[in-house]
PDB file of N, CA and C in Angstrom:
ATOM      1  N   MET A   1       0.800  -1.205  -0.005  1.00  0.00           N
ATOM      2  CA  MET A   1      -0.039  -0.042   0.021  1.00  0.00           C
ATOM      3  C   MET A   1       0.838   1.267  -0.012  1.00  0.00           C
ATOM      4  N   TYR A   2       1.885   1.317   0.825  1.00  0.00           N
ATOM      5  CA  TYR A   2       2.733   2.557   0.947  1.00  0.00           C
ATOM      6  C   TYR A   2       3.509   2.732  -0.349  1.00  0.00           C
ATOM      7  N   GLU A   3       3.983   1.679  -0.973  1.00  0.00           N
ATOM      8  CA  GLU A   3       4.654   1.833  -2.233  1.00  0.00           C
ATOM      9  C   GLU A   3       3.663   2.437  -3.270  1.00  0.00           C
ATOM     10  N   ARG A   4       2.431   2.019  -3.300  1.00  0.00           N
ATOM     11  CA  ARG A   4       1.468   2.547  -4.204  1.00  0.00           C
ATOM     12  C   ARG A   4       1.190   4.004  -3.992  1.00  0.00           C
ATOM     13  N   ILE A   5       1.195   4.475  -2.832  1.00  0.00           N
ATOM     14  CA  ILE A   5       1.073   5.896  -2.519  1.00  0.00           C
ATOM     15  C   ILE A   5       2.258   6.657  -3.046  1.00  0.00           C
ATOM     16  N   TYR A   6       3.425   6.077  -2.864  1.00  0.00           N
ATOM     17  CA  TYR A   6       4.623   6.733  -3.359  1.00  0.00           C
ATOM     18  C   TYR A   6       4.549   6.850  -4.914  1.00  0.00           C
ATOM     19  N   ARG A   7       4.113   5.791  -5.575  1.00  0.00           N
ATOM     20  CA  ARG A   7       4.028   5.800  -7.045  1.00  0.00           C
ATOM     21  C   ARG A   7       3.066   6.887  -7.495  1.00  0.00           C
ATOM     22  N   LEU A   8       2.025   7.216  -6.715  1.00  0.00           N
ATOM     23  CA  LEU A   8       1.159   8.260  -7.108  1.00  0.00           C
ATOM     24  C   LEU A   8       1.773   9.646  -6.963  1.00  0.00           C
ATOM     25  N   LEU A   9       2.671   9.772  -5.956  1.00  0.00           N
ATOM     26  CA  LEU A   9       3.449  11.061  -5.789  1.00  0.00           C
ATOM     27  C   LEU A   9       4.645  11.101  -6.602  1.00  0.00           C
ATOM     28  N   GLN A  10       5.185  10.055  -7.156  1.00  0.00           N
ATOM     29  CA  GLN A  10       6.402  10.029  -7.918  1.00  0.00           C
ATOM     30  C   GLN A  10       6.550  11.058  -9.035  1.00  0.00           C
ATOM     31  N   PRO A  11       5.517  11.286  -9.875  1.00  0.00           N
ATOM     32  CA  PRO A  11       5.603  12.287 -10.921  1.00  0.00           C
ATOM     33  C   PRO A  11       6.078  13.697 -10.404  1.00  0.00           C
ATOM     34  N   LYS A  12       5.547  14.039  -9.223  1.00  0.00           N
ATOM     35  CA  LYS A  12       5.867  15.344  -8.659  1.00  0.00           C
ATOM     36  C   LYS A  12       7.178  15.345  -7.851  1.00  0.00           C
ATOM     37  N   LEU A  13       7.343  14.250  -7.049  1.00  0.00           N
ATOM     38  CA  LEU A  13       8.512  14.234  -6.154  1.00  0.00           C
ATOM     39  C   LEU A  13       9.823  13.680  -6.835  1.00  0.00           C
ATOM     40  N   ASP A  14       9.679  12.803  -7.747  1.00  0.00           N
ATOM     41  CA  ASP A  14      10.838  12.130  -8.419  1.00  0.00           C
ATOM     42  C   ASP A  14      10.566  11.938  -9.878  1.00  0.00           C
ATOM     43  N   PRO A  15      10.438  13.052 -10.637  1.00  0.00           N
ATOM     44  CA  PRO A  15      10.079  12.904 -12.074  1.00  0.00           C
ATOM     45  C   PRO A  15      11.144  12.176 -12.904  1.00  0.00           C
ATOM     46  N   GLU A  16      12.365  12.219 -12.466  1.00  0.00           N
ATOM     47  CA  GLU A  16      13.489  11.527 -13.131  1.00  0.00           C
ATOM     48  C   GLU A  16      13.545  10.025 -12.731  1.00  0.00           C
ATOM     49  N   ARG A  17      12.736   9.631 -11.850  1.00  0.00           N
ATOM     50  CA  ARG A  17      12.677   8.177 -11.440  1.00  0.00           C
ATOM     51  C   ARG A  17      13.995   7.741 -10.864  1.00  0.00           C
ATOM     52  N   ARG A  18      14.581   8.521  -9.994  1.00  0.00           N
ATOM     53  CA  ARG A  18      15.828   8.099  -9.480  1.00  0.00           C
ATOM     54  C   ARG A  18      15.708   7.151  -8.240  1.00  0.00           C
ATOM     55  N   VAL A  19      14.518   7.111  -7.628  1.00  0.00           N
ATOM     56  CA  VAL A  19      14.275   6.255  -6.479  1.00  0.00           C
ATOM     57  C   VAL A  19      13.813   4.877  -6.950  1.00  0.00           C
ATOM     58  N   HIS A  20      14.451   3.848  -6.383  1.00  0.00           N
ATOM     59  CA  HIS A  20      14.140   2.483  -6.723  1.00  0.00           C
ATOM     60  C   HIS A  20      13.844   1.751  -5.360  1.00  0.00           C
ATOM     61  N   ILE A  21      12.776   1.018  -5.338  1.00  0.00           N
ATOM     62  CA  ILE A  21      12.401   0.342  -4.097  1.00  0.00           C
ATOM     63  C   ILE A  21      12.760  -1.142  -4.201  1.00  0.00           C
ATOM     64  N   LEU A  22      13.451  -1.619  -3.236  1.00  0.00           N
ATOM     65  CA  LEU A  22      13.854  -2.952  -3.161  1.00  0.00           C
ATOM     66  C   LEU A  22      13.277  -3.688  -1.919  1.00  0.00           C
ATOM     67  N   ARG A  23      12.798  -4.813  -2.068  1.00  0.00           N
ATOM     68  CA  ARG A  23      12.096  -5.562  -0.976  1.00  0.00           C
ATOM     69  C   ARG A  23      12.910  -6.841  -0.593  1.00  0.00           C
ATOM     70  N   SER A  24      13.057  -7.101   0.631  1.00  0.00           N
ATOM     71  CA  SER A  24      13.715  -8.341   1.097  1.00  0.00           C
ATOM     72  C   SER A  24      13.089  -9.602   0.614  1.00  0.00           C
ATOM     73  N   SER A  25      11.750  -9.513   0.351  1.00  0.00           N
ATOM     74  CA  SER A  25      11.041 -10.735  -0.102  1.00  0.00           C
ATOM     75  C   SER A  25      11.417 -11.110  -1.554  1.00  0.00           C
ATOM     76  N   GLU A  26      12.046 -10.114  -2.239  1.00  0.00           N
ATOM     77  CA  GLU A  26      12.410 -10.364  -3.651  1.00  0.00           C
ATOM     78  C   GLU A  26      13.926 -10.534  -3.693  1.00  0.00           C
ATOM     79  N   ASP A  27      14.698 -10.406  -2.713  1.00  0.00           N
ATOM     80  CA  ASP A  27      16.142 -10.508  -2.776  1.00  0.00           C
ATOM     81  C   ASP A  27      16.733 -11.078  -1.433  1.00  0.00           C
ATOM     82  N   SER A  28      17.120 -12.347  -1.429  1.00  0.00           N
ATOM     83  CA  SER A  28      17.601 -12.946  -0.233  1.00  0.00           C
ATOM     84  C   SER A  28      18.831 -12.250   0.367  1.00  0.00           C
ATOM     85  N   GLY A  29      19.695 -11.742  -0.526  1.00  0.00           N
ATOM     86  CA  GLY A  29      20.871 -10.958  -0.054  1.00  0.00           C
ATOM     87  C   GLY A  29      20.472  -9.765   0.720  1.00  0.00           C
ATOM     88  N   LEU A  30      19.503  -9.021   0.262  1.00  0.00           N
ATOM     89  CA  LEU A  30      18.992  -7.843   0.953  1.00  0.00           C
ATOM     90  C   LEU A  30      18.355  -8.322   2.313  1.00  0.00           C
ATOM     91  N   ALA A  31      17.606  -9.425   2.306  1.00  0.00           N
ATOM     92  CA  ALA A  31      17.061  -9.907   3.472  1.00  0.00           C
ATOM     93  C   ALA A  31      18.129 -10.201   4.505  1.00  0.00           C
ATOM     94  N   ASN A  32      19.156 -10.862   4.146  1.00  0.00           N
ATOM     95  CA  ASN A  32      20.322 -11.218   5.002  1.00  0.00           C
ATOM     96  C   ASN A  32      20.978  -9.964   5.557  1.00  0.00           C
ATOM     97  N   PHE A  33      21.171  -8.996   4.701  1.00  0.00           N
ATOM     98  CA  PHE A  33      21.842  -7.728   5.043  1.00  0.00           C
ATOM     99  C   PHE A  33      21.015  -7.016   6.144  1.00  0.00           C
ATOM    100  N   LEU A  34      19.719  -6.805   5.875  1.00  0.00           N
ATOM    101  CA  LEU A  34      18.904  -6.053   6.818  1.00  0.00           C
ATOM    102  C   LEU A  34      18.754  -6.794   8.135  1.00  0.00           C
ATOM    103  N   SER A  35      18.726  -8.123   8.062  1.00  0.00           N
ATOM    104  CA  SER A  35      18.680  -8.960   9.289  1.00  0.00           C
ATOM    105  C   SER A  35      20.050  -8.781  10.071  1.00  0.00           C
ATOM    106  N   ALA A  36      21.138  -8.857   9.350  1.00  0.00           N
ATOM    107  CA  ALA A  36      22.431  -8.705   9.958  1.00  0.00           C
ATOM    108  C   ALA A  36      22.650  -7.388  10.740  1.00  0.00           C
ATOM    109  N   VAL A  37      22.122  -6.416  10.144  1.00  0.00           N
ATOM    110  CA  VAL A  37      22.212  -4.998  10.711  1.00  0.00           C
ATOM    111  C   VAL A  37      21.019  -4.664  11.624  1.00  0.00           C
ATOM    112  N   ASN A  38      20.180  -5.676  11.727  1.00  0.00           N
ATOM    113  CA  ASN A  38      18.907  -5.490  12.527  1.00  0.00           C
ATOM    114  C   ASN A  38      18.128  -4.189  12.253  1.00  0.00           C
ATOM    115  N   SER A  39      17.828  -4.068  10.918  1.00  0.00           N
ATOM    116  CA  SER A  39      17.127  -2.889  10.474  1.00  0.00           C
ATOM    117  C   SER A  39      15.870  -3.239   9.633  1.00  0.00           C
ATOM    118  N   SER A  40      14.857  -2.520   9.755  1.00  0.00           N
ATOM    119  CA  SER A  40      13.616  -2.642   8.988  1.00  0.00           C
ATOM    120  C   SER A  40      13.756  -2.069   7.644  1.00  0.00           C
ATOM    121  N   GLY A  41      14.694  -1.163   7.444  1.00  0.00           N
ATOM    122  CA  GLY A  41      14.800  -0.491   6.177  1.00  0.00           C
ATOM    123  C   GLY A  41      16.139   0.264   6.112  1.00  0.00           C
ATOM    124  N   SER A  42      16.444   0.696   4.881  1.00  0.00           N
ATOM    125  CA  SER A  42      17.695   1.472   4.716  1.00  0.00           C
ATOM    126  C   SER A  42      17.457   2.225   3.343  1.00  0.00           C
ATOM    127  N   THR A  43      18.079   3.379   3.332  1.00  0.00           N
ATOM    128  CA  THR A  43      18.071   4.181   2.073  1.00  0.00           C
ATOM    129  C   THR A  43      19.419   4.723   1.804  1.00  0.00           C
ATOM    130  N   GLY A  44      19.890   4.634   0.573  1.00  0.00           N
ATOM    131  CA  GLY A  44      21.214   5.082   0.219  1.00  0.00           C
ATOM    132  C   GLY A  44      21.130   5.636  -1.233  1.00  0.00           C
ATOM    133  N   MET A  45      22.182   6.450  -1.499  1.00  0.00           N
ATOM    134  CA  MET A  45      22.343   7.031  -2.832  1.00  0.00           C
ATOM    135  C   MET A  45      23.721   6.537  -3.412  1.00  0.00           C
ATOM    136  N   ASP A  46      23.549   5.978  -4.684  1.00  0.00           N
ATOM    137  CA  ASP A  46      24.748   5.496  -5.383  1.00  0.00           C
ATOM    138  C   ASP A  46      25.479   6.724  -5.990  1.00  0.00           C
ATOM    139  N   VAL A  47      26.698   6.445  -6.467  1.00  0.00           N
ATOM    140  CA  VAL A  47      27.532   7.533  -7.026  1.00  0.00           C
ATOM    141  C   VAL A  47      26.958   8.094  -8.331  1.00  0.00           C
ATOM    142  N   ASP A  48      26.005   7.251  -8.994  1.00  0.00           N
ATOM    143  CA  ASP A  48      25.430   7.711 -10.186  1.00  0.00           C
ATOM    144  C   ASP A  48      24.152   8.473  -9.990  1.00  0.00           C
ATOM    145  N   GLY A  49      23.760   8.658  -8.672  1.00  0.00           N
ATOM    146  CA  GLY A  49      22.573   9.504  -8.365  1.00  0.00           C
ATOM    147  C   GLY A  49      21.282   8.650  -8.171  1.00  0.00           C
ATOM    148  N   LYS A  50      21.368   7.386  -8.369  1.00  0.00           N
ATOM    149  CA  LYS A  50      20.216   6.501  -8.038  1.00  0.00           C
ATOM    150  C   LYS A  50      20.093   6.272  -6.564  1.00  0.00           C
ATOM    151  N   ILE A  51      18.840   6.325  -6.151  1.00  0.00           N
ATOM    152  CA  ILE A  51      18.508   6.249  -4.680  1.00  0.00           C
ATOM    153  C   ILE A  51      17.884   4.892  -4.506  1.00  0.00           C
ATOM    154  N   TYR A  52      18.262   4.116  -3.516  1.00  0.00           N
ATOM    155  CA  TYR A  52      17.713   2.747  -3.305  1.00  0.00           C
ATOM    156  C   TYR A  52      17.037   2.785  -1.849  1.00  0.00           C
ATOM    157  N   VAL A  53      15.699   2.545  -1.895  1.00  0.00           N
ATOM    158  CA  VAL A  53      14.945   2.409  -0.656  1.00  0.00           C
ATOM    159  C   VAL A  53      14.802   0.904  -0.458  1.00  0.00           C
ATOM    160  N   GLN A  54      15.402   0.394   0.617  1.00  0.00           N
ATOM    161  CA  GLN A  54      15.400  -1.055   0.933  1.00  0.00           C
ATOM    162  C   GLN A  54      14.469  -1.214   2.100  1.00  0.00           C
ATOM    163  N   ILE A  55      13.452  -2.193   1.878  1.00  0.00           N
ATOM    164  CA  ILE A  55      12.499  -2.402   2.978  1.00  0.00           C
ATOM    165  C   ILE A  55      12.541  -3.939   3.330  1.00  0.00           C
ATOM    166  N   ASP A  56      12.562  -4.235   4.554  1.00  0.00           N
ATOM    167  CA  ASP A  56      12.526  -5.620   5.030  1.00  0.00           C
ATOM    168  C   ASP A  56      11.034  -6.034   5.238  1.00  0.00           C
ATOM    169  N   ASP A  57      10.438  -6.415   4.095  1.00  0.00           N
ATOM    170  CA  ASP A  57       8.950  -6.750   4.208  1.00  0.00           C
ATOM    171  C   ASP A  57       8.771  -8.159   4.706  1.00  0.00           C
ATOM    172  N   LEU A  58       9.863  -8.920   4.910  1.00  0.00           N
ATOM    173  CA  LEU A  58       9.724 -10.330   5.446  1.00  0.00           C
ATOM    174  C   LEU A  58       9.652 -10.222   7.000  1.00  0.00           C
ATOM    175  N   ARG A  59      10.314  -9.336   7.635  1.00  0.00           N
ATOM    176  CA  ARG A  59      10.408  -9.352   9.112  1.00  0.00           C
ATOM    177  C   ARG A  59       9.570  -8.265   9.765  1.00  0.00           C
ATOM    178  N   ASN A  60       9.660  -7.062   9.278  1.00  0.00           N
ATOM    179  CA  ASN A  60       9.015  -5.984  10.042  1.00  0.00           C
ATOM    180  C   ASN A  60       8.654  -4.812   9.073  1.00  0.00           C
ATOM    181  N   GLU A  61       7.638  -5.024   8.294  1.00  0.00           N
ATOM    182  CA  GLU A  61       7.174  -3.934   7.423  1.00  0.00           C
ATOM    183  C   GLU A  61       6.105  -3.195   8.127  1.00  0.00           C
ATOM    184  N   ASN A  62       6.322  -1.843   8.325  1.00  0.00           N
ATOM    185  CA  ASN A  62       5.291  -1.061   8.981  1.00  0.00           C
ATOM    186  C   ASN A  62       5.224   0.336   8.459  1.00  0.00           C
ATOM    187  N   LYS A  63       4.209   1.105   8.840  1.00  0.00           N
ATOM    188  CA  LYS A  63       4.072   2.493   8.310  1.00  0.00           C
ATOM    189  C   LYS A  63       5.247   3.353   8.556  1.00  0.00           C
ATOM    190  N   ALA A  64       5.787   3.255   9.827  1.00  0.00           N
ATOM    191  CA  ALA A  64       6.859   4.104  10.181  1.00  0.00           C
ATOM    192  C   ALA A  64       8.145   3.824   9.304  1.00  0.00           C
ATOM    193  N   THR A  65       8.346   2.554   9.046  1.00  0.00           N
ATOM    194  CA  THR A  65       9.534   2.288   8.244  1.00  0.00           C
ATOM    195  C   THR A  65       9.405   2.832   6.809  1.00  0.00           C
ATOM    196  N   TRP A  66       8.195   2.639   6.233  1.00  0.00           N
ATOM    197  CA  TRP A  66       8.003   3.204   4.910  1.00  0.00           C
ATOM    198  C   TRP A  66       8.175   4.783   4.909  1.00  0.00           C
ATOM    199  N   LEU A  67       7.522   5.425   5.852  1.00  0.00           N
ATOM    200  CA  LEU A  67       7.580   6.877   5.980  1.00  0.00           C
ATOM    201  C   LEU A  67       9.047   7.319   6.175  1.00  0.00           C
ATOM    202  N   GLU A  68       9.764   6.668   7.038  1.00  0.00           N
ATOM    203  CA  GLU A  68      11.148   7.120   7.271  1.00  0.00           C
ATOM    204  C   GLU A  68      12.047   6.890   6.134  1.00  0.00           C
ATOM    205  N   GLU A  69      11.908   5.774   5.369  1.00  0.00           N
ATOM    206  CA  GLU A  69      12.737   5.594   4.212  1.00  0.00           C
ATOM    207  C   GLU A  69      12.359   6.480   3.106  1.00  0.00           C
ATOM    208  N   PHE A  70      11.139   6.776   2.888  1.00  0.00           N
ATOM    209  CA  PHE A  70      10.729   7.677   1.881  1.00  0.00           C
ATOM    210  C   PHE A  70      11.208   9.105   2.235  1.00  0.00           C
ATOM    211  N   ALA A  71      11.216   9.472   3.506  1.00  0.00           N
ATOM    212  CA  ALA A  71      11.674  10.746   3.890  1.00  0.00           C
ATOM    213  C   ALA A  71      13.179  10.893   3.555  1.00  0.00           C
ATOM    214  N   HIS A  72      13.913   9.800   3.816  1.00  0.00           N
ATOM    215  CA  HIS A  72      15.330   9.843   3.515  1.00  0.00           C
ATOM    216  C   HIS A  72      15.561   9.923   2.039  1.00  0.00           C
ATOM    217  N   ALA A  73      14.730   9.257   1.282  1.00  0.00           N
ATOM    218  CA  ALA A  73      14.859   9.344  -0.243  1.00  0.00           C
ATOM    219  C   ALA A  73      14.669  10.816  -0.612  1.00  0.00           C
ATOM    220  N   LEU A  74      13.659  11.487  -0.041  1.00  0.00           N
ATOM    221  CA  LEU A  74      13.402  12.869  -0.307  1.00  0.00           C
ATOM    222  C   LEU A  74      14.633  13.778   0.009  1.00  0.00           C
ATOM    223  N   GLN A  75      15.249  13.410   1.181  1.00  0.00           N
ATOM    224  CA  GLN A  75      16.510  14.177   1.544  1.00  0.00           C
ATOM    225  C   GLN A  75      17.550  14.031   0.533  1.00  0.00           C
ATOM    226  N   PHE A  76      17.679  12.765   0.014  1.00  0.00           N
ATOM    227  CA  PHE A  76      18.737  12.540  -1.036  1.00  0.00           C
ATOM    228  C   PHE A  76      18.372  13.351  -2.327  1.00  0.00           C
ATOM    229  N   LEU A  77      17.108  13.322  -2.675  1.00  0.00           N
ATOM    230  CA  LEU A  77      16.693  14.032  -3.872  1.00  0.00           C
ATOM    231  C   LEU A  77      16.905  15.523  -3.697  1.00  0.00           C
ATOM    232  N   LYS A  78      16.673  16.058  -2.554  1.00  0.00           N
ATOM    233  CA  LYS A  78      16.806  17.491  -2.222  1.00  0.00           C
ATOM    234  C   LYS A  78      18.269  17.969  -1.974  1.00  0.00           C
ATOM    235  N   TYR A  79      18.999  17.223  -1.178  1.00  0.00           N
ATOM    236  CA  TYR A  79      20.310  17.626  -0.687  1.00  0.00           C
ATOM    237  C   TYR A  79      21.455  16.861  -1.319  1.00  0.00           C
ATOM    238  N   GLY A  80      21.176  15.818  -1.996  1.00  0.00           N
ATOM    239  CA  GLY A  80      22.312  14.941  -2.501  1.00  0.00           C
ATOM    240  C   GLY A  80      22.769  13.940  -1.482  1.00  0.00           C
ATOM    241  N   ASN A  81      23.938  13.467  -1.748  1.00  0.00           N
ATOM    242  CA  ASN A  81      24.526  12.407  -0.889  1.00  0.00           C
ATOM    243  C   ASN A  81      25.093  13.025   0.412  1.00  0.00           C
ATOM    244  N   VAL A  82      25.320  12.156   1.383  1.00  0.00           N
ATOM    245  CA  VAL A  82      25.841  12.570   2.627  1.00  0.00           C
ATOM    246  C   VAL A  82      27.369  12.479   2.498  1.00  0.00           C
ATOM    247  N   GLU A  83      28.012  13.540   2.969  1.00  0.00           N
ATOM    248  CA  GLU A  83      29.491  13.506   2.979  1.00  0.00           C
ATOM    249  C   GLU A  83      30.014  12.506   4.020  1.00  0.00           C
ATOM    250  N   LEU A  84      31.050  11.805   3.649  1.00  0.00           N
ATOM    251  CA  LEU A  84      31.688  10.877   4.598  1.00  0.00           C
ATOM    252  C   LEU A  84      32.448  11.728   5.629  1.00  0.00           C
ATOM    253  N   SER A  85      32.282  11.437   6.918  1.00  0.00           N
ATOM    254  CA  SER A  85      32.996  12.128   7.919  1.00  0.00           C
ATOM    255  C   SER A  85      33.226  11.216   9.086  1.00  0.00           C
ATOM    256  N   VAL A  86      34.171  11.652   9.996  1.00  0.00           N
ATOM    257  CA  VAL A  86      34.488  10.847  11.114  1.00  0.00           C
ATOM    258  C   VAL A  86      33.352  10.799  12.064  1.00  0.00           C
ATOM    259  N   ASP A  87      32.665  11.910  12.250  1.00  0.00           N
ATOM    260  CA  ASP A  87      31.636  11.938  13.299  1.00  0.00           C
ATOM    261  C   ASP A  87      30.171  11.716  12.760  1.00  0.00           C
ATOM    262  N   ASP A  88      30.062  11.652  11.420  1.00  0.00           N
ATOM    263  CA  ASP A  88      28.742  11.442  10.749  1.00  0.00           C
ATOM    264  C   ASP A  88      27.734  12.490  11.201  1.00  0.00           C
ATOM    265  N   ALA A  89      28.168  13.729  11.411  1.00  0.00           N
ATOM    266  CA  ALA A  89      27.268  14.784  11.863  1.00  0.00           C
ATOM    267  C   ALA A  89      26.144  15.035  10.865  1.00  0.00           C
ATOM    268  N   GLU A  90      26.431  15.092   9.600  1.00  0.00           N
ATOM    269  CA  GLU A  90      25.325  15.355   8.535  1.00  0.00           C
ATOM    270  C   GLU A  90      24.370  14.170   8.575  1.00  0.00           C
ATOM    271  N   ARG A  91      24.802  13.018   8.651  1.00  0.00           N
ATOM    272  CA  ARG A  91      23.919  11.848   8.616  1.00  0.00           C
ATOM    273  C   ARG A  91      23.020  11.878   9.939  1.00  0.00           C
ATOM    274  N   ASP A  92      23.605  12.173  11.066  1.00  0.00           N
ATOM    275  CA  ASP A  92      22.873  12.312  12.317  1.00  0.00           C
ATOM    276  C   ASP A  92      21.735  13.361  12.180  1.00  0.00           C
ATOM    277  N   GLU A  93      22.077  14.498  11.571  1.00  0.00           N
ATOM    278  CA  GLU A  93      21.160  15.605  11.393  1.00  0.00           C
ATOM    279  C   GLU A  93      19.983  15.176  10.539  1.00  0.00           C
ATOM    280  N   ARG A  94      20.241  14.397   9.491  1.00  0.00           N
ATOM    281  CA  ARG A  94      19.178  13.879   8.640  1.00  0.00           C
ATOM    282  C   ARG A  94      18.273  12.904   9.417  1.00  0.00           C
ATOM    283  N   GLU A  95      18.955  12.096  10.208  1.00  0.00           N
ATOM    284  CA  GLU A  95      18.118  11.115  11.058  1.00  0.00           C
ATOM    285  C   GLU A  95      17.242  11.798  12.009  1.00  0.00           C
ATOM    286  N   LYS A  96      17.779  12.842  12.678  1.00  0.00           N
ATOM    287  CA  LYS A  96      16.981  13.653  13.561  1.00  0.00           C
ATOM    288  C   LYS A  96      15.792  14.320  12.868  1.00  0.00           C
ATOM    289  N   GLU A  97      16.079  14.981  11.776  1.00  0.00           N
ATOM    290  CA  GLU A  97      15.087  15.662  10.986  1.00  0.00           C
ATOM    291  C   GLU A  97      13.905  14.715  10.653  1.00  0.00           C
ATOM    292  N   VAL A  98      14.213  13.515  10.214  1.00  0.00           N
ATOM    293  CA  VAL A  98      13.154  12.565   9.885  1.00  0.00           C
ATOM    294  C   VAL A  98      12.403  12.105  11.108  1.00  0.00           C
ATOM    295  N   ALA A  99      13.140  11.785  12.221  1.00  0.00           N
ATOM    296  CA  ALA A  99      12.521  11.236  13.386  1.00  0.00           C
ATOM    297  C   ALA A  99      11.545  12.335  13.968  1.00  0.00           C
ATOM    298  N   GLU A 100      11.985  13.623  14.016  1.00  0.00           N
ATOM    299  CA  GLU A 100      11.086  14.571  14.553  1.00  0.00           C
ATOM    300  C   GLU A 100       9.897  14.792  13.675  1.00  0.00           C
ATOM    301  N   CYS A 101      10.009  14.617  12.420  1.00  0.00           N
ATOM    302  CA  CYS A 101       8.827  14.795  11.530  1.00  0.00           C
ATOM    303  C   CYS A 101       7.840  13.610  11.766  1.00  0.00           C
ATOM    304  N   LEU A 102       8.427  12.422  11.886  1.00  0.00           N
ATOM    305  CA  LEU A 102       7.569  11.143  12.049  1.00  0.00           C
ATOM    306  C   LEU A 102       6.779  11.233  13.366  1.00  0.00           C
ATOM    307  N   LEU A 103       7.358  11.866  14.422  1.00  0.00           N
ATOM    308  CA  LEU A 103       6.672  11.946  15.681  1.00  0.00           C
ATOM    309  C   LEU A 103       5.332  12.754  15.604  1.00  0.00           C
ATOM    310  N   SER A 104       5.210  13.560  14.535  1.00  0.00           N
ATOM    311  CA  SER A 104       4.000  14.288  14.384  1.00  0.00           C
ATOM    312  C   SER A 104       2.889  13.519  13.601  1.00  0.00           C
ATOM    313  N   ARG A 105       3.191  12.265  13.240  1.00  0.00           N
ATOM    314  CA  ARG A 105       2.265  11.443  12.447  1.00  0.00           C
ATOM    315  C   ARG A 105       1.508  10.492  13.337  1.00  0.00           C
ATOM    316  N   LYS A 106       0.433   9.944  12.893  1.00  0.00           N
ATOM    317  CA  LYS A 106      -0.350   8.986  13.609  1.00  0.00           C
ATOM    318  C   LYS A 106       0.333   7.613  13.416  1.00  0.00           C
ATOM    319  N   LEU A 107       1.022   7.243  14.497  1.00  0.00           N
ATOM    320  CA  LEU A 107       1.748   5.870  14.452  1.00  0.00           C
ATOM    321  C   LEU A 107       1.399   5.097  15.688  1.00  0.00           C
ATOM    322  N   SER A 108       1.656   3.831  15.640  1.00  0.00           N
ATOM    323  CA  SER A 108       1.396   2.920  16.815  1.00  0.00           C
ATOM    324  C   SER A 108       2.295   3.336  17.909  1.00  0.00           C
ATOM    325  N   ALA A 109       1.974   2.894  19.148  1.00  0.00           N
ATOM    326  CA  ALA A 109       2.783   3.200  20.359  1.00  0.00           C
ATOM    327  C   ALA A 109       4.188   2.573  20.165  1.00  0.00           C
ATOM    328  N   LYS A 110       4.247   1.349  19.603  1.00  0.00           N
ATOM    329  CA  LYS A 110       5.555   0.696  19.322  1.00  0.00           C
ATOM    330  C   LYS A 110       6.393   1.487  18.320  1.00  0.00           C
ATOM    331  N   GLU A 111       5.793   1.951  17.267  1.00  0.00           N
ATOM    332  CA  GLU A 111       6.515   2.775  16.250  1.00  0.00           C
ATOM    333  C   GLU A 111       6.966   4.038  16.893  1.00  0.00           C
ATOM    334  N   ILE A 112       6.206   4.760  17.686  1.00  0.00           N
ATOM    335  CA  ILE A 112       6.597   5.935  18.392  1.00  0.00           C
ATOM    336  C   ILE A 112       7.783   5.695  19.327  1.00  0.00           C
ATOM    337  N   GLU A 113       7.720   4.594  19.973  1.00  0.00           N
ATOM    338  CA  GLU A 113       8.843   4.209  20.947  1.00  0.00           C
ATOM    339  C   GLU A 113      10.109   4.016  20.152  1.00  0.00           C
ATOM    340  N   GLU A 114      10.078   3.330  19.031  1.00  0.00           N
ATOM    341  CA  GLU A 114      11.213   3.129  18.224  1.00  0.00           C
ATOM    342  C   GLU A 114      11.811   4.384  17.592  1.00  0.00           C
ATOM    343  N   ILE A 115      10.927   5.301  17.255  1.00  0.00           N
ATOM    344  CA  ILE A 115      11.417   6.631  16.745  1.00  0.00           C
ATOM    345  C   ILE A 115      12.090   7.407  17.839  1.00  0.00           C
ATOM    346  N   GLN A 116      11.424   7.436  19.047  1.00  0.00           N
ATOM    347  CA  GLN A 116      11.965   8.155  20.121  1.00  0.00           C
ATOM    348  C   GLN A 116      13.378   7.640  20.509  1.00  0.00           C
ATOM    349  N   HIS A 117      13.508   6.312  20.442  1.00  0.00           N
ATOM    350  CA  HIS A 117      14.873   5.648  20.719  1.00  0.00           C
ATOM    351  C   HIS A 117      15.812   6.151  19.684  1.00  0.00           C
ATOM    352  N   ALA A 118      15.460   6.138  18.381  1.00  0.00           N
ATOM    353  CA  ALA A 118      16.400   6.646  17.361  1.00  0.00           C
ATOM    354  C   ALA A 118      16.730   8.114  17.531  1.00  0.00           C
ATOM    355  N   LEU A 119      15.673   8.891  17.851  1.00  0.00           N
ATOM    356  CA  LEU A 119      15.937  10.325  18.067  1.00  0.00           C
ATOM    357  C   LEU A 119      16.943  10.523  19.248  1.00  0.00           C
ATOM    358  N   LYS A 120      16.855   9.750  20.246  1.00  0.00           N
ATOM    359  CA  LYS A 120      17.744   9.928  21.362  1.00  0.00           C
ATOM    360  C   LYS A 120      19.220   9.509  20.941  1.00  0.00           C
ATOM    361  N   ARG A 121      19.312   8.436  20.093  1.00  0.00           N
ATOM    362  CA  ARG A 121      20.574   7.945  19.612  1.00  0.00           C
ATOM    363  C   ARG A 121      21.271   8.932  18.783  1.00  0.00           C
ATOM    364  N   TYR A 122      20.534   9.720  17.996  1.00  0.00           N
ATOM    365  CA  TYR A 122      21.111  10.698  17.062  1.00  0.00           C
ATOM    366  C   TYR A 122      21.224  12.073  17.716  1.00  0.00           C
ATOM    367  N   GLY A 123      20.980  12.165  18.961  1.00  0.00           N
ATOM    368  CA  GLY A 123      21.263  13.389  19.675  1.00  0.00           C
ATOM    369  C   GLY A 123      20.084  14.373  19.725  1.00  0.00           C
ATOM    370  N   GLY A 124      18.840  13.906  19.344  1.00  0.00           N
ATOM    371  CA  GLY A 124      17.627  14.797  19.460  1.00  0.00           C
ATOM    372  C   GLY A 124      16.992  14.520  20.780  1.00  0.00           C
ATOM    373  N   VAL A 125      16.151  15.475  21.015  1.00  0.00           N
ATOM    374  CA  VAL A 125      15.390  15.403  22.278  1.00  0.00           C
ATOM    375  C   VAL A 125      13.869  15.598  21.926  1.00  0.00           C
ATOM    376  N   HIS A 126      13.084  14.696  22.461  1.00  0.00           N
ATOM    377  CA  HIS A 126      11.622  14.831  22.254  1.00  0.00           C
ATOM    378  C   HIS A 126      10.979  14.678  23.528  1.00  0.00           C
ATOM    379  N   GLU A 127       9.999  15.510  23.825  1.00  0.00           N
ATOM    380  CA  GLU A 127       9.325  15.430  25.143  1.00  0.00           C
ATOM    381  C   GLU A 127       7.887  14.938  24.870  1.00  0.00           C
TER     382      GLU A 127
END
């Protein structure tokens, strides 16, 4: 369902079709990777400008994961790739920006708890 919503918004948000959605149910290597890093999703940008939204739809597919990964895809579209740095300050800022935005959405108590944990990890504060 969430992918369908994205596809409806794609002409406006991503007219060049740079965002590609990958699912763990379609790629055992992706399933193994997301399981190994204990993540429900991940988004990254390749050197050629393609953006890959990776979703673990085998273990833990939920609204918050889709929203977070799409928000990161939009960050990549708007700001480009994240510079490599020792302290990952820019990456942490992007994580905080998305977490703070997600907390204003209607999510389950478990999803909110996970987002608050992530926000704390990346140096944000939410009351």
